[in-house]
Amino acid sequence: MGEYWPVPDVLAHLAGRWRVERVVRDLAGGHEGHFAGVTAFSPLERGLLHSESGTFTWQGVARPAERTLRFLPGRAPGTADVRFADGRPFHELDLSSGRYLADHPCSADLYRGEFTVLDADRWRTVWRVGGPAKDLLLVTDYAREG
């Protein structure tokens, strides 16, 4: 894909509710899982609270799944400082070009993310996770609700 949708203000763009579809591939074991749900970006005193909930199906077993992140104003105008729910740093996010690459070292693993904005109402994340016990690919598509 060569064309991206530039986003001058990440927090303003993400605010609201998004339908989420995620495919999780275990590249070493050959298994594939699917997540379907909703992500809501709701206002915090400073930034947005990212609340994701839905159903994750892995090897035929469906379970409820959720996660929470905090998207805070970044160092530059229009960017975000993404943090885990407990405040630990996750990664920065700058979509001013419509595309951003982020790394997150986690113990012995490295999470390498690519964020692309497809248009005003669709964006995608692709995370490649590598480490001694992990070889995963997570592709998530977001579509604005409403």
Protein backbone atom coordinates (compact mmCIF):
# COMPACT_ATOMS: atom_id res chain seq x y z
CA MET A 1 0.00 0.00 0.00
CA GLY A 2 1.52 3.31 -1.00
CA GLU A 3 -1.06 5.93 -0.03
CA TYR A 4 -1.90 6.88 3.52
CA TRP A 5 -4.34 9.33 5.05
CA PRO A 6 -2.43 12.03 7.00
CA VAL A 7 -3.81 12.75 10.47
CA PRO A 8 -2.78 16.15 11.90
CA ASP A 9 -4.12 15.35 15.43
CA VAL A 10 -4.07 11.70 16.56
CA LEU A 11 -6.24 12.20 19.65
CA ALA A 12 -8.95 14.14 17.82
CA HIS A 13 -8.99 11.55 15.03
CA LEU A 14 -9.26 8.50 17.28
CA ALA A 15 -11.97 9.82 19.63
CA GLY A 16 -15.15 7.75 19.43
CA ARG A 17 -16.01 4.09 18.84
CA TRP A 18 -14.38 1.70 16.38
CA ARG A 19 -15.28 -1.84 15.27
CA VAL A 20 -12.24 -4.09 15.62
CA GLU A 21 -11.24 -7.23 13.73
CA ARG A 22 -7.87 -8.84 14.59
CA VAL A 23 -6.10 -11.88 13.22
CA VAL A 24 -3.37 -13.38 15.41
CA ARG A 25 -0.98 -15.79 13.70
CA ASP A 26 1.51 -17.95 15.57
CA LEU A 27 4.13 -18.19 12.83
CA ALA A 28 6.12 -20.88 14.66
CA GLY A 29 3.19 -23.16 15.55
CA GLY A 30 0.95 -22.42 12.58
CA HIS A 31 -2.10 -21.55 14.71
CA GLU A 32 -4.43 -18.66 13.96
CA GLY A 33 -6.80 -16.79 16.26
CA HIS A 34 -9.40 -14.09 15.74
CA PHE A 35 -10.64 -11.19 17.86
CA ALA A 36 -13.84 -9.29 17.11
CA GLY A 37 -15.09 -6.42 19.24
CA VAL A 38 -15.18 -2.69 19.83
CA THR A 39 -12.64 -0.11 20.90
CA ALA A 40 -13.89 3.09 22.52
CA PHE A 41 -11.60 6.11 22.81
CA SER A 42 -13.26 8.18 25.52
CA PRO A 43 -12.09 11.47 27.05
CA LEU A 44 -9.72 11.53 30.01
CA GLU A 45 -8.80 14.69 31.87
CA ARG A 46 -5.74 14.68 29.59
CA GLY A 47 -5.98 12.49 26.49
CA LEU A 48 -8.10 9.43 25.72
CA LEU A 49 -8.89 6.15 27.46
CA HIS A 50 -8.71 3.26 24.97
CA SER A 51 -11.07 0.47 26.12
CA GLU A 52 -11.21 -2.63 23.94
CA SER A 53 -13.62 -5.50 24.52
CA GLY A 54 -14.83 -8.43 22.48
CA THR A 55 -14.33 -12.14 21.87
CA PHE A 56 -11.02 -13.84 21.14
CA THR A 57 -11.16 -17.27 19.52
CA TRP A 58 -8.04 -19.43 19.69
CA GLN A 59 -7.92 -23.07 18.58
CA GLY A 60 -11.71 -23.21 18.49
CA VAL A 61 -12.23 -21.81 21.99
CA ALA A 62 -13.96 -18.41 22.26
CA ARG A 63 -13.31 -16.27 25.35
CA PRO A 64 -14.13 -12.70 26.36
CA ALA A 65 -11.12 -10.42 26.00
CA GLU A 66 -10.41 -6.82 26.92
CA ARG A 67 -7.57 -4.37 27.32
CA THR A 68 -7.15 -0.76 28.35
CA LEU A 69 -4.57 1.77 27.21
CA ARG A 70 -4.09 5.48 27.77
CA PHE A 71 -3.42 7.79 24.82
CA LEU A 72 -1.91 10.98 26.24
CA PRO A 73 -0.72 14.10 24.42
CA GLY A 74 2.71 13.44 22.89
CA ARG A 75 5.85 15.54 22.78
CA ALA A 76 4.86 17.23 19.52
CA PRO A 77 1.45 18.74 18.74
CA GLY A 78 -0.96 16.20 17.29
CA THR A 79 0.98 13.16 18.52
CA ALA A 80 0.24 10.67 21.31
CA ASP A 81 2.16 9.00 24.10
CA VAL A 82 0.56 5.54 24.39
CA ARG A 83 0.72 3.93 27.83
CA PHE A 84 -0.54 0.77 29.44
CA ALA A 85 -3.43 1.08 31.90
CA ASP A 86 -0.97 1.17 34.84
CA GLY A 87 0.95 4.09 33.30
CA ARG A 88 3.97 2.18 31.95
CA PRO A 89 5.16 3.48 28.55
CA PHE A 90 4.12 1.49 25.46
CA HIS A 91 5.03 3.58 22.40
CA GLU A 92 4.72 6.98 20.77
CA LEU A 93 2.28 7.58 17.91
CA ASP A 94 2.57 10.19 15.16
CA LEU A 95 0.17 9.76 12.24
CA SER A 96 0.88 13.13 10.59
CA SER A 97 2.05 11.24 7.47
CA GLY A 98 -0.66 8.57 7.82
CA ARG A 99 1.93 5.93 8.75
CA TYR A 100 4.07 5.30 11.83
CA LEU A 101 6.50 2.61 12.99
CA ALA A 102 6.92 1.86 16.70
CA ASP A 103 9.05 -0.54 18.75
CA HIS A 104 8.29 -1.83 22.22
CA PRO A 105 10.83 -4.07 23.98
CA CYS A 106 9.07 -6.38 26.45
CA SER A 107 11.31 -8.63 28.50
CA ALA A 108 13.12 -10.84 25.94
CA ASP A 109 10.60 -10.01 23.18
CA LEU A 110 10.43 -7.15 20.70
CA TYR A 111 7.10 -5.79 19.50
CA ARG A 112 7.44 -3.90 16.21
CA GLY A 113 4.30 -2.07 15.14
CA GLU A 114 3.20 -0.40 11.93
CA PHE A 115 0.22 1.96 12.06
CA THR A 116 -1.45 3.03 8.81
CA VAL A 117 -4.45 5.26 8.29
CA LEU A 118 -6.39 4.13 5.22
CA ASP A 119 -8.97 6.94 5.16
CA ALA A 120 -10.99 9.09 7.56
CA ASP A 121 -12.84 6.05 8.96
CA ARG A 122 -10.39 3.13 8.69
CA TRP A 123 -6.95 2.38 10.09
CA ARG A 124 -4.78 -0.68 10.68
CA THR A 125 -2.09 -1.88 13.02
CA VAL A 126 0.34 -4.68 12.27
CA TRP A 127 2.45 -5.94 15.17
CA ARG A 128 5.27 -8.43 14.67
CA VAL A 129 6.33 -10.03 17.95
CA GLY A 130 9.61 -11.89 18.12
CA GLY A 131 11.57 -13.42 20.94
CA PRO A 132 12.87 -16.69 22.33
CA ALA A 133 9.36 -18.13 22.77
CA LYS A 134 7.28 -15.93 20.44
CA ASP A 135 6.91 -15.52 16.70
CA LEU A 136 3.58 -13.77 16.21
CA LEU A 137 1.88 -11.53 13.68
CA LEU A 138 -1.13 -9.48 14.81
CA VAL A 139 -3.11 -7.58 12.16
CA THR A 140 -5.91 -5.35 13.43
CA ASP A 141 -8.40 -3.44 11.30
CA TYR A 142 -10.42 -0.59 12.79
CA ALA A 143 -13.58 0.90 11.23
CA ARG A 144 -15.31 3.91 12.76
CA GLU A 145 -18.82 3.26 14.09
CA GLY A 146 -21.68 5.57 13.22
